[in-house]
C-alpha atoms as a PDB file:
ATOM      1  CA  UNK A   1      -6.354  10.786   1.707  1.00  0.00           C
ATOM      2  CA  UNK A   2      -5.570   7.167   0.859  1.00  0.00           C
ATOM      3  CA  UNK A   3      -4.863   5.680  -2.550  1.00  0.00           C
ATOM      4  CA  UNK A   4      -6.436   2.253  -3.090  1.00  0.00           C
ATOM      5  CA  UNK A   5      -4.751   0.015  -5.660  1.00  0.00           C
ATOM      6  CA  UNK A   6      -6.430  -2.688  -7.740  1.00  0.00           C
ATOM      7  CA  UNK A   7      -6.195  -6.334  -6.782  1.00  0.00           C
ATOM      8  CA  UNK A   8      -4.985  -8.735  -9.481  1.00  0.00           C
ATOM      9  CA  UNK A   9      -6.557 -12.107 -10.242  1.00  0.00           C
ATOM     10  CA  UNK A  10      -3.811 -13.829  -8.189  1.00  0.00           C
ATOM     11  CA  UNK A  11      -4.781 -11.769  -5.110  1.00  0.00           C
ATOM     12  CA  UNK A  12      -1.761  -9.453  -5.212  1.00  0.00           C
ATOM     13  CA  UNK A  13      -2.107  -5.673  -5.158  1.00  0.00           C
ATOM     14  CA  UNK A  14      -0.734  -3.769  -8.167  1.00  0.00           C
ATOM     15  CA  UNK A  15       1.171  -0.775  -6.748  1.00  0.00           C
ATOM     16  CA  UNK A  16       2.220   2.141  -8.977  1.00  0.00           C
ATOM     17  CA  UNK A  17       4.735   4.844  -7.993  1.00  0.00           C
ATOM     18  CA  UNK A  18       3.060   8.247  -8.162  1.00  0.00           C
ATOM     19  CA  UNK A  19       6.432   9.837  -8.966  1.00  0.00           C
ATOM     20  CA  UNK A  20       7.855   7.755 -11.826  1.00  0.00           C
ATOM     21  CA  UNK A  21       5.193   5.197 -12.748  1.00  0.00           C
ATOM     22  CA  UNK A  22       7.155   2.063 -11.715  1.00  0.00           C
ATOM     23  CA  UNK A  23       4.872  -0.841 -10.815  1.00  0.00           C
ATOM     24  CA  UNK A  24       5.138  -3.822  -8.478  1.00  0.00           C
ATOM     25  CA  UNK A  25       2.960  -6.654  -7.268  1.00  0.00           C
ATOM     26  CA  UNK A  26       2.501  -6.722  -3.509  1.00  0.00           C
ATOM     27  CA  UNK A  27       1.309  -9.750  -1.541  1.00  0.00           C
ATOM     28  CA  UNK A  28      -0.827  -8.129   1.146  1.00  0.00           C
ATOM     29  CA  UNK A  29      -4.183  -9.617   1.963  1.00  0.00           C
ATOM     30  CA  UNK A  30      -5.296  -7.207   4.687  1.00  0.00           C
ATOM     31  CA  UNK A  31      -5.518  -4.062   2.548  1.00  0.00           C
ATOM     32  CA  UNK A  32      -5.062  -2.626  -0.928  1.00  0.00           C
ATOM     33  CA  UNK A  33      -3.679   0.644   0.461  1.00  0.00           C
ATOM     34  CA  UNK A  34       0.023   0.174  -0.288  1.00  0.00           C
ATOM     35  CA  UNK A  35       3.145   2.343   0.083  1.00  0.00           C
ATOM     36  CA  UNK A  36       6.585   1.223  -1.100  1.00  0.00           C
ATOM     37  CA  UNK A  37      10.040   2.785  -1.274  1.00  0.00           C
ATOM     38  CA  UNK A  38      10.696   3.405  -4.970  1.00  0.00           C
ATOM     39  CA  UNK A  39      14.118   3.251  -6.601  1.00  0.00           C
ATOM     40  CA  UNK A  40      13.456   6.526  -8.452  1.00  0.00           C
ATOM     41  CA  UNK A  41      14.177   8.651  -5.358  1.00  0.00           C
ATOM     42  CA  UNK A  42      14.398   6.137  -2.466  1.00  0.00           C
ATOM     43  CA  UNK A  43      11.268   7.646  -0.861  1.00  0.00           C
ATOM     44  CA  UNK A  44       7.915   6.117   0.023  1.00  0.00           C
ATOM     45  CA  UNK A  45       5.235   6.480  -2.658  1.00  0.00           C
ATOM     46  CA  UNK A  46       2.532   7.398  -2.410  1.00  0.00           C
ATOM     47  CA  UNK A  47       3.442   9.440   0.634  1.00  0.00           C
ATOM     48  CA  UNK A  48      -0.223   9.702   1.671  1.00  0.00           C
ATOM     49  CA  UNK A  49      -0.319   5.908   2.276  1.00  0.00           C
ATOM     50  CA  UNK A  50       2.903   5.811   4.326  1.00  0.00           C
ATOM     51  CA  UNK A  51       1.331   6.169   7.781  1.00  0.00           C
ATOM     52  CA  UNK A  52      -1.471   3.699   7.006  1.00  0.00           C
ATOM     53  CA  UNK A  53       0.874   1.002   5.706  1.00  0.00           C
ATOM     54  CA  UNK A  54       4.184   1.430   7.566  1.00  0.00           C
ATOM     55  CA  UNK A  55       2.710   2.215  10.975  1.00  0.00           C
ATOM     56  CA  UNK A  56       0.191  -0.604  10.529  1.00  0.00           C
ATOM     57  CA  UNK A  57      -2.869   1.538  11.184  1.00  0.00           C
ATOM     58  CA  UNK A  58      -4.813  -0.812   8.878  1.00  0.00           C
ATOM     59  CA  UNK A  59      -3.943  -3.684  11.200  1.00  0.00           C
ATOM     60  CA  UNK A  60      -5.031  -1.866  14.359  1.00  0.00           C
ATOM     61  CA  UNK A  61      -8.360  -0.919  12.750  1.00  0.00           C
ATOM     62  CA  UNK A  62      -8.845  -4.509  11.595  1.00  0.00           C
ATOM     63  CA  UNK A  63      -8.099  -5.761  15.133  1.00  0.00           C
ATOM     64  CA  UNK A  64     -10.483  -3.257  16.743  1.00  0.00           C
ATOM     65  CA  UNK A  65     -13.341  -4.476  14.532  1.00  0.00           C
ATOM     66  CA  UNK A  66     -12.868  -8.060  15.730  1.00  0.00           C
ATOM     67  CA  UNK A  67     -13.259  -7.169  19.442  1.00  0.00           C
END
């Protein structure tokens, strides 16, 4: 499961922590699947997006499509 976040008018992605509700704007133009370490517990939220974002699976899929 992946959580897709909305894109703002400036092109940034609006991330929301699924644990505490903190928000942040993320400059990432390749995807709107985002995972960030939140200050509430110093863990990645949402955890389901961690592999996609931190291991750059989105980038490898994007690269494969171009070949």
